[in-house]
N, C-alpha and C. Protein backbone atom coordinates (compact mmCIF):
# COMPACT_ATOMS: atom_id res chain seq x y z
N UNK A 1 -6.31 31.40 45.23
CA UNK A 1 -5.57 30.38 46.62
C UNK A 1 -5.39 31.44 47.09
N UNK A 2 -5.67 31.44 49.09
CA UNK A 2 -4.83 32.03 49.85
C UNK A 2 -3.80 30.97 50.11
N UNK A 3 -2.67 31.71 50.47
CA UNK A 3 -1.50 31.17 51.48
C UNK A 3 -1.63 31.63 52.97
N UNK A 4 -1.15 31.54 53.66
CA UNK A 4 -1.21 31.93 55.13
C UNK A 4 -0.75 31.20 55.94
N UNK A 5 0.02 31.37 57.32
CA UNK A 5 0.35 30.35 58.35
C UNK A 5 -0.72 29.62 59.11
N UNK A 6 0.30 28.79 59.67
CA UNK A 6 -1.17 27.51 60.36
C UNK A 6 -2.15 27.94 60.95
N UNK A 7 -1.51 28.79 61.77
CA UNK A 7 -2.94 29.15 63.08
C UNK A 7 -3.51 30.47 62.57
N UNK A 8 -3.65 30.50 61.41
CA UNK A 8 -4.11 31.83 60.85
C UNK A 8 -5.68 32.22 61.12
N UNK A 9 -5.94 33.06 61.35
CA UNK A 9 -7.94 32.93 61.17
C UNK A 9 -8.34 33.70 60.41
N UNK A 10 -7.89 34.99 59.89
CA UNK A 10 -8.42 35.97 58.90
C UNK A 10 -7.57 35.87 57.68
N UNK A 11 -8.19 35.73 56.58
CA UNK A 11 -7.18 35.65 54.74
C UNK A 11 -7.55 36.51 54.35
N UNK A 12 -6.75 37.86 54.28
CA UNK A 12 -7.68 38.51 53.74
C UNK A 12 -6.34 39.06 52.32
N UNK A 13 -5.80 38.25 52.28
CA UNK A 13 -5.37 38.63 50.62
C UNK A 13 -5.24 36.88 49.71
N UNK A 14 -5.87 37.22 48.34
CA UNK A 14 -5.81 36.00 47.89
C UNK A 14 -4.77 36.35 46.36
N UNK A 15 -4.20 35.06 45.87
CA UNK A 15 -3.31 35.40 44.39
C UNK A 15 -4.00 34.61 43.60
N UNK A 16 -3.58 34.80 42.46
CA UNK A 16 -4.11 34.49 41.52
C UNK A 16 -2.99 34.09 40.39
N UNK A 17 -3.06 33.42 38.93
CA UNK A 17 -1.95 34.01 37.93
C UNK A 17 -2.53 33.19 36.58
N UNK A 18 -2.21 33.38 35.76
CA UNK A 18 -2.57 33.47 34.28
C UNK A 18 -1.66 33.14 32.81
N UNK A 19 -1.37 32.49 32.32
CA UNK A 19 -0.40 32.82 31.26
C UNK A 19 -0.76 33.78 29.96
N UNK A 20 -0.50 34.46 29.82
CA UNK A 20 -0.88 34.94 28.64
C UNK A 20 -0.10 34.74 26.88
N UNK A 21 -0.60 35.14 25.60
CA UNK A 21 0.37 34.65 24.56
C UNK A 21 1.84 35.51 25.00
N UNK A 22 1.86 36.47 25.47
CA UNK A 22 2.82 37.55 25.50
C UNK A 22 3.66 37.95 26.78
N UNK A 23 2.96 36.89 28.17
CA UNK A 23 3.48 36.94 28.94
C UNK A 23 2.31 36.51 30.46
N UNK A 24 2.61 37.22 31.24
CA UNK A 24 1.89 36.27 32.61
C UNK A 24 1.17 37.61 33.00
N UNK A 25 -0.17 37.30 33.66
CA UNK A 25 -1.22 38.42 34.74
C UNK A 25 -1.12 37.66 35.58
N UNK A 26 -0.88 38.93 36.61
CA UNK A 26 -1.03 38.46 38.48
C UNK A 26 -2.12 39.18 38.96
N UNK A 27 -2.70 38.22 39.89
CA UNK A 27 -4.18 39.08 40.34
C UNK A 27 -3.51 39.32 41.83
N UNK A 28 -3.25 40.37 42.39
CA UNK A 28 -3.63 40.03 44.00
C UNK A 28 -4.87 40.35 44.44
N UNK A 29 -5.57 40.00 45.48
CA UNK A 29 -7.11 39.95 45.22
C UNK A 29 -6.75 40.45 47.56
N UNK A 30 -7.68 41.49 47.25
CA UNK A 30 -7.33 42.70 48.66
C UNK A 30 -8.67 42.47 49.59
N UNK A 31 -9.24 41.60 50.75
CA UNK A 31 -9.99 42.01 51.39
C UNK A 31 -11.01 42.98 51.54
N UNK A 32 -11.98 43.34 50.44
CA UNK A 32 -12.59 45.37 50.43
C UNK A 32 -13.48 45.03 51.94
N UNK A 33 -12.67 45.64 53.13
CA UNK A 33 -13.18 46.28 54.47
C UNK A 33 -13.78 47.14 54.01
N UNK A 34 -13.47 47.82 52.96
CA UNK A 34 -14.81 49.25 52.83
C UNK A 34 -15.80 48.96 52.54
N UNK A 35 -16.14 48.31 51.96
CA UNK A 35 -17.58 47.66 51.77
C UNK A 35 -18.09 47.34 53.24
N UNK A 36 -17.87 47.31 54.08
CA UNK A 36 -18.68 47.04 55.68
C UNK A 36 -17.83 48.37 56.62
N UNK A 37 -16.78 48.96 56.37
CA UNK A 37 -16.39 49.95 57.59
C UNK A 37 -16.29 51.44 56.50
N UNK A 38 -17.76 51.85 57.24
CA UNK A 38 -17.78 53.63 56.37
C UNK A 38 -16.68 54.19 56.91
N UNK A 39 -16.36 55.16 56.28
CA UNK A 39 -15.11 56.66 56.62
C UNK A 39 -16.03 57.15 57.84
N UNK A 40 -15.86 57.27 59.12
CA UNK A 40 -15.98 58.38 60.34
C UNK A 40 -17.16 57.45 61.19
N UNK A 41 -17.17 55.63 60.78
CA UNK A 41 -18.00 55.46 61.58
C UNK A 41 -17.46 55.11 62.92
N UNK A 42 -17.81 54.43 63.98
CA UNK A 42 -16.91 54.06 65.70
C UNK A 42 -16.11 52.86 65.19
N UNK A 43 -16.35 52.10 64.55
CA UNK A 43 -15.66 50.78 63.84
C UNK A 43 -14.43 51.67 62.81
N UNK A 44 -14.50 52.68 62.21
CA UNK A 44 -13.47 53.11 61.30
C UNK A 44 -12.40 53.89 62.27
N UNK A 45 -12.92 54.62 63.31
CA UNK A 45 -12.27 55.59 64.21
C UNK A 45 -11.70 54.53 65.28
N UNK A 46 -12.08 53.43 65.84
CA UNK A 46 -11.36 52.47 66.75
C UNK A 46 -10.52 51.80 65.47
N UNK A 47 -10.70 51.51 64.39
CA UNK A 47 -9.28 50.65 63.89
C UNK A 47 -8.60 51.72 63.82
N UNK A 48 -8.57 52.87 62.97
CA UNK A 48 -7.51 54.24 62.75
C UNK A 48 -6.81 54.29 64.51
N UNK A 49 -7.25 54.42 65.30
CA UNK A 49 -6.53 53.93 66.86
C UNK A 49 -6.03 52.95 66.93
N UNK A 50 -6.18 51.76 66.42
CA UNK A 50 -5.15 50.90 67.00
C UNK A 50 -4.26 50.72 65.80
N UNK A 51 -4.77 50.93 64.40
CA UNK A 51 -3.63 51.25 63.56
C UNK A 51 -3.81 50.08 62.72
N UNK A 52 -3.44 48.71 63.59
CA UNK A 52 -2.68 47.62 63.05
C UNK A 52 -3.81 46.32 63.98
N UNK A 53 -3.94 44.62 63.51
CA UNK A 53 -3.90 43.97 64.65
C UNK A 53 -2.81 43.42 65.57
N UNK A 54 -2.68 43.64 66.39
CA UNK A 54 -2.07 42.57 67.43
C UNK A 54 -1.52 41.50 67.56
N UNK A 55 -0.80 40.60 67.29
CA UNK A 55 -0.59 39.32 67.23
C UNK A 55 0.96 39.20 68.68
N UNK A 56 -0.04 38.61 69.54
CA UNK A 56 0.77 38.46 70.67
C UNK A 56 0.74 37.20 71.10
N UNK A 57 2.21 36.61 71.05
CA UNK A 57 2.03 34.97 70.98
C UNK A 57 1.05 34.73 70.49
N UNK A 58 0.32 33.62 71.73
CA UNK A 58 -1.11 32.59 70.64
C UNK A 58 -2.61 33.61 70.62
N UNK A 59 -2.19 34.54 70.89
CA UNK A 59 -3.51 35.39 70.83
C UNK A 59 -3.39 36.98 69.76
N UNK A 60 -4.36 37.02 69.54
CA UNK A 60 -4.24 37.99 68.39
C UNK A 60 -5.55 39.32 68.74
N UNK A 61 -4.95 40.51 69.11
CA UNK A 61 -5.86 41.66 69.45
C UNK A 61 -6.18 42.43 68.14
N UNK A 62 -7.33 42.24 67.48
CA UNK A 62 -7.47 42.62 66.27
C UNK A 62 -8.18 43.56 66.13
N UNK A 63 -7.58 44.28 64.50
CA UNK A 63 -7.92 45.84 64.73
C UNK A 63 -9.41 46.02 64.21
N UNK A 64 -9.88 44.91 63.48
CA UNK A 64 -11.44 45.27 63.46
C UNK A 64 -11.59 43.89 63.95
N UNK A 65 -12.98 44.42 64.20
CA UNK A 65 -14.41 43.43 65.38
C UNK A 65 -14.08 41.74 64.44
N UNK A 66 -14.15 40.58 65.11
CA UNK A 66 -14.09 39.49 64.89
C UNK A 66 -14.94 39.14 63.45
N UNK A 67 -15.99 39.68 63.87
CA UNK A 67 -17.24 39.05 62.51
C UNK A 67 -16.67 39.84 61.34
N UNK A 68 -16.00 40.67 61.16
CA UNK A 68 -15.26 41.37 60.04
C UNK A 68 -14.09 40.53 59.91
N UNK A 69 -13.05 40.46 60.59
CA UNK A 69 -11.50 40.35 60.64
C UNK A 69 -11.51 38.88 60.39
N UNK A 70 -12.03 38.03 60.98
CA UNK A 70 -12.56 36.57 60.75
C UNK A 70 -13.24 36.13 60.33
N UNK A 71 -14.23 37.13 59.40
CA UNK A 71 -15.49 36.01 59.21
C UNK A 71 -15.81 36.68 57.86
N UNK A 72 -16.23 37.91 57.24
CA UNK A 72 -17.21 38.66 56.56
C UNK A 72 -16.13 39.06 55.12
N UNK A 73 -14.23 39.51 56.39
CA UNK A 73 -13.66 40.30 55.67
C UNK A 73 -12.19 39.15 55.01
N UNK A 74 -12.81 37.84 55.45
CA UNK A 74 -11.86 36.83 55.72
C UNK A 74 -11.85 35.66 54.02
N UNK A 75 -11.20 35.98 53.31
CA UNK A 75 -11.23 35.59 51.65
C UNK A 75 -11.30 33.89 51.73
N UNK A 76 -12.07 33.14 52.64
CA UNK A 76 -12.78 31.73 53.00
C UNK A 76 -12.47 31.36 51.69
N UNK A 77 -11.94 30.27 51.39
CA UNK A 77 -11.85 28.85 50.40
C UNK A 77 -13.52 28.70 50.59
N UNK A 78 -13.98 28.91 49.00
CA UNK A 78 -15.41 28.29 48.51
C UNK A 78 -16.70 29.49 49.19
N UNK A 79 -16.27 30.43 48.87
CA UNK A 79 -17.03 31.49 49.84
C UNK A 79 -16.87 33.01 49.02
N UNK A 80 -18.29 33.52 48.50
CA UNK A 80 -17.75 34.59 47.47
C UNK A 80 -17.43 35.56 49.05
N UNK A 81 -16.47 36.89 48.40
CA UNK A 81 -15.82 37.40 48.73
C UNK A 81 -15.61 38.87 47.93
N UNK A 82 -15.68 39.85 48.58
CA UNK A 82 -15.75 41.29 48.16
C UNK A 82 -14.45 41.21 47.95
N UNK A 83 -13.66 41.95 47.30
CA UNK A 83 -12.12 42.35 47.20
C UNK A 83 -12.18 43.74 46.18
N UNK A 84 -11.14 44.03 46.79
CA UNK A 84 -10.16 44.88 45.83
C UNK A 84 -9.31 44.16 44.82
N UNK A 85 -9.17 44.27 43.94
CA UNK A 85 -8.27 43.46 42.96
C UNK A 85 -7.42 44.39 42.39
N UNK A 86 -5.94 44.02 42.40
CA UNK A 86 -5.12 44.48 41.58
C UNK A 86 -4.42 43.81 40.33
N UNK A 87 -4.90 44.09 39.39
CA UNK A 87 -4.47 43.01 37.98
C UNK A 87 -3.30 43.76 37.18
N UNK A 88 -2.25 42.53 37.00
CA UNK A 88 -1.06 42.93 36.62
C UNK A 88 -0.37 42.39 35.43
N UNK A 89 -0.25 42.71 34.38
CA UNK A 89 0.15 42.22 32.91
C UNK A 89 1.76 42.30 32.22
N UNK A 90 2.63 41.34 33.30
CA UNK A 90 4.35 41.46 32.33
C UNK A 90 4.26 40.84 31.18
N UNK A 91 5.21 41.42 30.75
CA UNK A 91 6.45 40.96 29.44
C UNK A 91 6.61 39.65 29.86
N UNK A 92 7.75 38.67 28.69
CA UNK A 92 7.92 37.88 29.89
C UNK A 92 9.60 37.49 30.35
N UNK A 93 10.02 38.89 30.41
CA UNK A 93 10.70 39.62 30.93
C UNK A 93 10.53 40.09 32.47
N UNK A 94 9.97 39.73 33.06
CA UNK A 94 8.82 40.76 34.38
C UNK A 94 8.72 41.97 34.34
N UNK A 95 8.59 42.79 33.25
CA UNK A 95 8.42 44.44 33.69
C UNK A 95 6.73 44.06 33.06
N UNK A 96 6.04 45.16 34.12
CA UNK A 96 5.31 45.09 33.95
C UNK A 96 4.34 46.25 33.32
N UNK A 97 3.95 45.72 32.10
CA UNK A 97 3.11 46.69 31.27
C UNK A 97 2.16 46.91 31.16
N UNK A 98 1.24 46.91 31.65
CA UNK A 98 -0.34 47.11 32.17
C UNK A 98 -1.00 46.83 33.10
N UNK A 99 -1.63 47.39 34.28
CA UNK A 99 -1.88 47.84 36.08
C UNK A 99 -3.34 47.85 35.60
N UNK A 100 -4.27 47.64 36.27
CA UNK A 100 -5.91 47.43 36.57
C UNK A 100 -6.01 47.54 37.69
N UNK A 101 -7.05 48.01 38.33
CA UNK A 101 -7.48 47.69 39.73
C UNK A 101 -8.91 48.08 39.71
N UNK A 102 -9.80 47.06 40.41
CA UNK A 102 -10.86 47.37 41.02
C UNK A 102 -11.59 46.34 41.80
N UNK A 103 -12.97 46.89 42.20
CA UNK A 103 -13.58 46.39 42.83
C UNK A 103 -14.32 44.72 42.44
N UNK A 104 -14.01 43.60 42.69
CA UNK A 104 -14.94 42.72 42.52
C UNK A 104 -15.50 41.44 43.15
N UNK A 105 -15.62 40.51 43.32
CA UNK A 105 -16.12 39.33 44.40
C UNK A 105 -15.33 37.89 43.57
N UNK A 106 -14.72 37.88 44.76
CA UNK A 106 -14.18 36.31 44.54
C UNK A 106 -14.28 35.10 45.15
N UNK A 107 -14.57 33.71 44.81
CA UNK A 107 -14.08 32.82 45.72
C UNK A 107 -13.34 31.77 45.96
N UNK A 108 -12.01 31.84 47.19
CA UNK A 108 -10.99 31.08 46.94
C UNK A 108 -11.11 29.77 46.27
N UNK A 109 -10.49 29.26 45.49
CA UNK A 109 -10.62 27.64 45.47
C UNK A 109 -9.54 26.78 46.27
N UNK A 110 -8.80 27.12 46.99
CA UNK A 110 -7.56 26.36 47.97
C UNK A 110 -7.36 27.86 49.22
N UNK A 111 -7.68 26.98 50.23
CA UNK A 111 -6.80 27.94 51.14
C UNK A 111 -5.60 27.38 51.52
N UNK A 112 -4.18 27.05 51.55
CA UNK A 112 -3.28 26.89 52.09
C UNK A 112 -1.94 27.33 53.12
N UNK A 113 -1.58 26.54 53.62
CA UNK A 113 -0.86 27.19 55.13
C UNK A 113 0.58 27.33 53.86
N UNK A 114 1.55 28.14 54.46
CA UNK A 114 2.81 28.53 53.97
C UNK A 114 3.40 26.64 53.76
N UNK A 115 3.62 25.91 55.10
CA UNK A 115 4.25 24.80 54.59
C UNK A 115 3.79 24.07 53.57
N UNK A 116 2.37 23.96 53.33
CA UNK A 116 1.87 22.81 52.21
C UNK A 116 1.84 23.75 51.16
N UNK A 117 2.20 24.79 50.90
CA UNK A 117 2.66 25.60 49.34
C UNK A 117 3.70 25.49 49.00
N UNK A 118 4.83 25.23 50.46
CA UNK A 118 6.27 24.87 49.74
C UNK A 118 6.20 23.59 49.46
N UNK A 119 5.73 22.32 50.16
CA UNK A 119 5.68 21.52 50.10
C UNK A 119 5.40 21.06 48.23
N UNK A 120 4.19 21.43 48.28
CA UNK A 120 3.51 21.57 46.86
C UNK A 120 4.71 22.02 45.26
N UNK A 121 5.05 23.18 46.12
CA UNK A 121 6.58 23.61 44.64
C UNK A 121 7.52 22.80 44.52
N UNK A 122 7.81 22.35 46.19
CA UNK A 122 9.18 21.54 46.57
C UNK A 122 9.03 20.35 45.70
N UNK A 123 8.08 19.95 45.35
CA UNK A 123 8.11 18.23 45.23
C UNK A 123 7.68 18.03 43.93
N UNK A 124 7.45 18.70 43.27
CA UNK A 124 7.26 18.98 42.08
C UNK A 124 6.09 17.89 41.79
N UNK A 125 5.28 17.79 42.50
CA UNK A 125 3.84 17.40 42.08
C UNK A 125 3.28 16.99 41.40
N UNK A 126 2.04 16.14 41.04
CA UNK A 126 1.61 16.38 39.79
C UNK A 126 0.12 17.00 39.88
N UNK A 127 -0.79 17.55 39.16
CA UNK A 127 -2.19 18.27 39.39
C UNK A 127 -1.55 19.53 39.16
N UNK A 128 -2.74 20.19 38.90
CA UNK A 128 -3.10 21.65 38.82
C UNK A 128 -2.55 22.63 39.83
N UNK A 129 -2.86 22.55 41.20
CA UNK A 129 -2.65 23.07 41.87
C UNK A 129 -0.93 23.36 42.22
N UNK A 130 -0.27 21.62 41.95
CA UNK A 130 1.18 22.14 42.04
C UNK A 130 1.69 22.65 40.97
N UNK A 131 1.10 22.54 39.88
CA UNK A 131 1.56 23.30 38.13
C UNK A 131 1.37 24.89 38.84
N UNK A 132 0.11 24.95 39.45
CA UNK A 132 0.14 26.60 39.28
C UNK A 132 0.81 27.04 40.63
N UNK A 133 1.34 26.53 41.73
CA UNK A 133 2.45 26.77 42.31
C UNK A 133 3.56 26.97 42.11
N UNK A 134 3.78 25.90 41.19
CA UNK A 134 5.29 26.44 40.64
C UNK A 134 5.53 27.10 39.55
N UNK A 135 4.36 27.34 39.04
CA UNK A 135 4.39 28.47 38.30
C UNK A 135 4.72 29.51 38.63
N UNK A 136 3.82 30.13 40.16
CA UNK A 136 3.77 31.75 40.74
C UNK A 136 5.30 31.64 41.20
N UNK A 137 5.82 30.15 41.60
CA UNK A 137 6.86 30.15 41.88
C UNK A 137 8.02 30.79 41.04
N UNK A 138 8.23 30.07 40.01
CA UNK A 138 9.13 30.26 38.49
C UNK A 138 8.96 31.97 38.90
N UNK A 139 7.89 32.53 38.01
CA UNK A 139 7.50 33.71 37.96
C UNK A 139 7.79 35.26 39.89
N UNK A 140 7.60 34.81 40.61
CA UNK A 140 7.82 35.17 41.98
C UNK A 140 9.81 35.20 42.08
N UNK A 141 10.10 34.18 41.55
CA UNK A 141 12.12 34.14 41.57
C UNK A 141 12.06 34.57 40.86
N UNK A 142 11.99 35.13 39.13
CA UNK A 142 12.23 36.07 38.88
C UNK A 142 12.11 37.26 38.79
N UNK A 143 10.74 37.90 39.48
CA UNK A 143 10.81 39.56 39.83
C UNK A 143 12.01 39.36 41.12
N UNK A 144 12.08 38.47 41.53
CA UNK A 144 12.87 38.58 42.82
C UNK A 144 14.48 39.02 42.17
N UNK A 145 15.16 37.95 41.21
CA UNK A 145 16.85 37.89 40.86
C UNK A 145 16.54 39.61 39.86
N UNK A 146 15.54 39.89 39.25
CA UNK A 146 15.09 41.21 38.64
C UNK A 146 14.91 42.51 39.62
N UNK A 147 14.68 42.57 40.48
CA UNK A 147 14.65 43.17 42.08
C UNK A 147 15.94 43.66 42.66
N UNK A 148 17.19 42.15 42.46
CA UNK A 148 18.34 42.32 43.04
C UNK A 148 18.87 42.82 41.85
N UNK A 149 18.99 42.66 40.63
CA UNK A 149 19.76 43.02 39.43
C UNK A 149 19.36 44.65 39.68
N UNK A 150 18.20 44.80 39.57
CA UNK A 150 18.06 46.38 39.82
C UNK A 150 18.41 47.35 41.41
N UNK A 151 19.16 46.81 42.07
CA UNK A 151 19.68 47.30 43.07
C UNK A 151 19.01 47.07 44.58
N UNK A 152 17.72 46.48 44.10
CA UNK A 152 16.77 46.26 45.85
C UNK A 152 17.78 45.39 46.43
N UNK A 153 17.76 45.92 48.00
CA UNK A 153 18.88 45.72 49.58
C UNK A 153 17.45 44.37 50.05
N UNK A 154 18.32 43.14 50.11
CA UNK A 154 17.23 42.59 51.30
C UNK A 154 17.69 42.62 52.29
N UNK A 155 17.35 42.27 53.36
CA UNK A 155 17.50 42.10 54.84
C UNK A 155 16.87 40.98 54.73
N UNK A 156 18.80 40.10 55.45
CA UNK A 156 18.05 38.62 55.47
C UNK A 156 17.97 38.51 57.44
N UNK A 157 16.71 39.43 57.84
CA UNK A 157 16.35 39.14 59.25
C UNK A 157 15.94 37.95 59.60
N UNK A 158 15.91 37.21 60.77
CA UNK A 158 15.34 36.09 61.44
C UNK A 158 14.52 36.38 61.92
N UNK A 159 13.57 35.64 61.99
CA UNK A 159 11.98 35.61 62.65
C UNK A 159 12.07 34.29 63.93
N UNK A 160 11.51 34.58 64.28
CA UNK A 160 11.14 33.71 65.81
C UNK A 160 9.71 33.15 65.44
N UNK A 161 9.58 31.91 65.88
CA UNK A 161 8.84 31.24 66.46
C UNK A 161 8.40 30.82 67.79
N UNK A 162 6.98 31.37 68.44
CA UNK A 162 7.13 31.01 69.45
C UNK A 162 6.31 29.66 69.94
N UNK A 163 6.43 29.03 70.47
CA UNK A 163 5.58 27.47 70.17
C UNK A 163 5.48 27.22 71.61
N UNK A 164 3.83 27.24 71.65
CA UNK A 164 2.81 26.83 72.47
C UNK A 164 2.74 25.34 73.35
N UNK A 165 2.60 25.29 74.26
CA UNK A 165 1.60 24.43 74.73
C UNK A 165 0.94 24.85 75.46
N UNK A 166 -0.75 24.33 75.66
CA UNK A 166 -1.83 24.65 76.67
C UNK A 166 -1.64 26.67 76.25
N UNK A 167 -1.04 27.30 77.47
CA UNK A 167 -1.27 28.36 77.04
C UNK A 167 0.47 28.68 77.56
N UNK A 168 1.52 28.10 77.90
CA UNK A 168 2.61 28.27 78.03
C UNK A 168 4.27 28.52 77.21
N UNK A 169 4.51 28.66 77.26
CA UNK A 169 5.87 28.98 76.13
C UNK A 169 6.66 27.30 76.23
N UNK A 170 6.65 26.79 75.20
CA UNK A 170 7.40 25.72 75.22
C UNK A 170 8.75 25.58 74.78
N UNK A 171 8.77 26.44 73.38
CA UNK A 171 10.23 26.43 73.14
C UNK A 171 10.22 27.87 72.04
N UNK A 172 11.31 28.51 71.91
CA UNK A 172 11.28 29.48 70.96
C UNK A 172 12.28 29.05 69.93
N UNK A 173 12.34 29.31 69.19
CA UNK A 173 12.47 28.71 67.43
C UNK A 173 12.93 29.32 66.27
N UNK A 174 14.38 29.76 65.87
CA UNK A 174 13.99 30.89 64.46
C UNK A 174 13.12 30.54 63.17
N UNK A 175 12.57 30.63 62.60
CA UNK A 175 11.50 30.67 61.84
C UNK A 175 12.46 30.16 60.80
N UNK A 176 11.75 29.17 59.48
CA UNK A 176 12.29 28.86 58.33
C UNK A 176 12.00 29.38 57.39
N UNK A 177 12.32 30.37 56.68
CA UNK A 177 11.75 30.92 55.44
C UNK A 177 12.28 29.92 54.13
N UNK A 178 10.75 29.84 53.69
CA UNK A 178 10.13 28.97 52.70
C UNK A 178 10.20 29.62 50.88
N UNK A 179 9.57 28.83 50.22
CA UNK A 179 9.41 29.25 48.73
C UNK A 179 8.39 30.19 48.98
N UNK A 180 7.08 29.27 49.75
CA UNK A 180 6.17 29.95 49.24
C UNK A 180 5.81 31.34 50.10
N UNK A 181 6.94 31.85 50.92
CA UNK A 181 7.21 33.14 51.82
C UNK A 181 7.59 33.63 50.93
N UNK A 182 8.45 33.44 50.39
CA UNK A 182 9.05 34.13 48.89
C UNK A 182 8.25 34.69 48.00
N UNK A 183 7.55 33.76 47.57
CA UNK A 183 6.37 34.01 46.68
C UNK A 183 5.05 34.74 46.82
N UNK A 184 4.30 34.70 48.70
CA UNK A 184 3.62 35.97 48.24
C UNK A 184 4.19 37.17 48.85
N UNK A 185 5.56 37.35 49.34
CA UNK A 185 5.95 38.47 49.23
C UNK A 185 6.41 39.21 48.18
N UNK A 186 6.72 38.75 46.96
CA UNK A 186 7.12 39.11 45.93
C UNK A 186 5.70 39.40 45.06
N UNK A 187 4.70 38.98 44.98
CA UNK A 187 2.99 38.89 45.03
C UNK A 187 2.73 40.77 45.44
N UNK A 188 2.74 40.69 47.03
CA UNK A 188 2.16 41.55 47.69
C UNK A 188 2.91 42.45 47.29
N UNK A 189 4.13 42.53 47.22
CA UNK A 189 4.92 44.00 46.42
C UNK A 189 5.12 44.41 45.44
N UNK A 190 4.37 43.65 44.32
CA UNK A 190 4.32 43.67 42.82
C UNK A 190 2.74 44.78 42.98
N UNK A 191 1.76 44.08 44.04
CA UNK A 191 0.76 45.19 43.95
C UNK A 191 1.05 46.22 44.47
N UNK A 192 1.80 46.46 45.72
CA UNK A 192 1.74 47.68 46.48
C UNK A 192 2.22 48.62 45.62
N UNK A 193 3.71 48.20 44.77
CA UNK A 193 4.70 49.14 43.60
C UNK A 193 3.32 49.26 42.82
N UNK A 194 2.84 48.78 42.05
CA UNK A 194 1.58 49.23 40.95
C UNK A 194 0.58 50.13 41.52
N UNK A 195 0.06 49.93 42.57
CA UNK A 195 -0.84 50.47 43.12
C UNK A 195 -0.33 52.30 43.93
N UNK A 196 0.73 52.30 43.82
CA UNK A 196 1.29 53.24 44.27
C UNK A 196 1.94 54.34 43.23
N UNK A 197 2.85 53.30 41.79
CA UNK A 197 2.66 54.11 40.48
C UNK A 197 1.60 54.51 40.01
């Protein structure tokens, strides 16, 4: 599944979870941009000079052309897409016991927003999707508690949301931090740490 903001157009990461006999297996799938952008190409040079996509209120200046960022390299629901996948096996205490990275093809089953994912986590709804999200959240919470016990520093910085009406700023308010945000943050940290290690 992908979990992104309400207005997101490019879905560059997806997550999966699987219970194993000895623990939990987490997959973090990242869109494989390298399958489309060759080193030293004009697109590669331009992307390198930009460094990132710029989110400017209600518009975006993408790092890559929109055909790539919003289509070919976007992990859209129901569409096979090329990925780089981090597969991480954990024991019951949240310790990483095995890591593998590989190229693959995935088809996202569900595209969720942070708000919808949070509702499904919090409401204890019935069905496979809520159960999977609740399982993911429990595991993310275990990892978060483990990180804090290991000395992790959490900065509780507030994010702001700019609310637009047409192209005019209507309101600026503090963004609410949801359980779904924490879930994605923990899984992305997992993948980054595993790859770096």
